[in-house]
Amino acid sequence: MIRPRKTLRRGEPTEAEKQECRIKARTRVRGMCEYHMLDGTEVLGVRIEASPHCLIGPLPLEGDLLTRGHLCHLKGKRVYGWRESDVQRHLWGCFECHRWEHQGGKPCPPKS
């Protein structure tokens, strides 16, 4: 079992500050998945690809993991940080596109 840290890492925002970043990102795109809107373009040197299973439509801020919106980092949050001033580093996306991004645009292989 992975235990949560008792203290914040240096430069890591509090939960309230993270929630504020999520709200700003969601408001900027009216709750829609940015991966779907930016599909095929390049932002900050990162090629944006939407998942073939993208959830098109407004994504709620709260809810279960599969249906709510996710704050996605274009660059590593530990290296580049959470800088609120640099909102272009954060995209608002659906679960499917966020998962697709972490898998490098490849579908997850089936378990054998």
Protein backbone atom coordinates (compact mmCIF):
# COMPACT_ATOMS: atom_id res chain seq x y z
CA MET A 1 0.00 0.00 0.00
CA ILE A 2 1.32 3.43 -0.92
CA ARG A 3 0.98 5.87 1.93
CA PRO A 4 0.26 9.53 1.16
CA ARG A 5 2.96 12.03 2.13
CA LYS A 6 2.40 13.90 5.37
CA THR A 7 3.97 17.10 4.03
CA LEU A 8 3.99 18.78 0.64
CA ARG A 9 7.03 18.56 -1.60
CA ARG A 10 8.95 21.78 -2.12
CA GLY A 11 7.02 23.88 -4.63
CA GLU A 12 3.98 21.59 -4.59
CA PRO A 13 0.69 23.46 -4.20
CA THR A 14 -1.89 22.67 -1.54
CA GLU A 15 -5.04 20.75 -2.49
CA ALA A 16 -6.98 24.04 -2.63
CA GLU A 17 -4.44 25.52 -5.06
CA LYS A 18 -4.61 22.39 -7.24
CA GLN A 19 -8.41 22.65 -7.28
CA GLU A 20 -8.08 26.30 -8.37
CA CYS A 21 -5.86 25.18 -11.30
CA ARG A 22 -8.50 22.61 -12.29
CA ILE A 23 -11.27 25.20 -12.17
CA LYS A 24 -9.25 27.66 -14.30
CA ALA A 25 -8.42 25.01 -16.88
CA ARG A 26 -12.04 23.82 -17.06
CA THR A 27 -13.41 27.36 -17.30
CA ARG A 28 -10.97 28.24 -20.10
CA VAL A 29 -12.44 25.54 -22.38
CA ARG A 30 -16.00 25.48 -21.01
CA GLY A 31 -15.54 21.94 -19.71
CA MET A 32 -14.79 20.37 -23.10
CA CYS A 33 -11.91 17.94 -23.65
CA GLU A 34 -8.96 19.97 -24.99
CA TYR A 35 -7.35 16.89 -26.51
CA HIS A 36 -10.34 16.55 -28.83
CA MET A 37 -10.21 20.27 -29.74
CA LEU A 38 -6.40 20.32 -30.30
CA ASP A 39 -6.04 16.88 -31.91
CA GLY A 40 -3.10 16.79 -34.33
CA THR A 41 -1.56 20.09 -33.22
CA GLU A 42 1.61 20.78 -31.24
CA VAL A 43 1.67 22.71 -27.95
CA LEU A 44 4.97 23.52 -26.19
CA GLY A 45 6.75 20.96 -28.35
CA VAL A 46 4.30 18.18 -27.41
CA ARG A 47 2.11 16.63 -30.11
CA ILE A 48 -1.50 16.44 -28.95
CA GLU A 49 -3.40 13.27 -29.81
CA ALA A 50 -6.96 12.56 -28.77
CA SER A 51 -8.01 9.04 -27.87
CA PRO A 52 -10.30 7.29 -30.36
CA HIS A 53 -12.64 6.85 -27.37
CA CYS A 54 -12.66 10.54 -26.36
CA LEU A 55 -15.67 11.60 -24.29
CA ILE A 56 -17.02 14.45 -26.39
CA GLY A 57 -19.06 16.91 -24.38
CA PRO A 58 -18.75 18.90 -21.15
CA LEU A 59 -16.81 17.12 -18.41
CA PRO A 60 -17.79 17.70 -14.78
CA LEU A 61 -15.28 18.84 -12.16
CA GLU A 62 -16.46 16.23 -9.67
CA GLY A 63 -17.60 12.64 -10.08
CA ASP A 64 -16.13 9.21 -10.62
CA LEU A 65 -12.76 8.70 -12.30
CA LEU A 66 -14.12 7.68 -15.70
CA THR A 67 -16.59 10.53 -16.21
CA ARG A 68 -15.03 13.61 -14.59
CA GLY A 69 -12.51 15.88 -16.26
CA HIS A 70 -8.79 15.56 -15.58
CA LEU A 71 -6.09 18.23 -15.30
CA CYS A 72 -3.38 16.93 -17.62
CA HIS A 73 0.21 18.19 -17.54
CA LEU A 74 1.95 18.61 -20.88
CA LYS A 75 5.36 18.61 -19.22
CA GLY A 76 6.38 16.77 -16.06
CA LYS A 77 4.85 18.46 -13.03
CA ARG A 78 7.83 17.63 -10.81
CA VAL A 79 10.30 19.21 -13.25
CA TYR A 80 8.21 22.11 -14.58
CA GLY A 81 5.92 22.56 -11.59
CA TRP A 82 2.32 23.60 -11.29
CA ARG A 83 2.87 27.24 -12.22
CA GLU A 84 -0.56 28.83 -12.31
CA SER A 85 0.82 31.68 -14.41
CA ASP A 86 1.64 29.21 -17.20
CA VAL A 87 -1.81 27.78 -17.91
CA GLN A 88 -0.65 26.45 -21.29
CA ARG A 89 1.12 23.60 -19.47
CA HIS A 90 -2.23 22.26 -18.29
CA LEU A 91 -4.93 20.76 -20.47
CA TRP A 92 -8.45 19.82 -19.42
CA GLY A 93 -9.15 16.36 -20.75
CA CYS A 94 -11.32 13.30 -20.38
CA PHE A 95 -10.12 10.08 -18.74
CA GLU A 96 -9.66 8.32 -22.08
CA CYS A 97 -7.42 11.05 -23.56
CA HIS A 98 -5.42 11.39 -20.33
CA ARG A 99 -4.83 7.62 -20.30
CA TRP A 100 -3.97 7.70 -24.02
CA GLU A 101 -1.37 10.41 -23.35
CA HIS A 102 0.32 8.37 -20.60
CA GLN A 103 0.44 5.29 -22.83
CA GLY A 104 2.14 7.22 -25.61
CA GLY A 105 -0.79 6.88 -28.01
CA LYS A 106 -0.68 3.09 -27.94
CA PRO A 107 -3.56 0.94 -26.74
CA CYS A 108 -2.88 -1.04 -23.58
CA PRO A 109 -1.96 -4.66 -24.42
CA PRO A 110 -4.42 -7.32 -23.25
CA LYS A 111 -3.52 -9.32 -20.14
CA SER A 112 -2.65 -12.91 -20.86
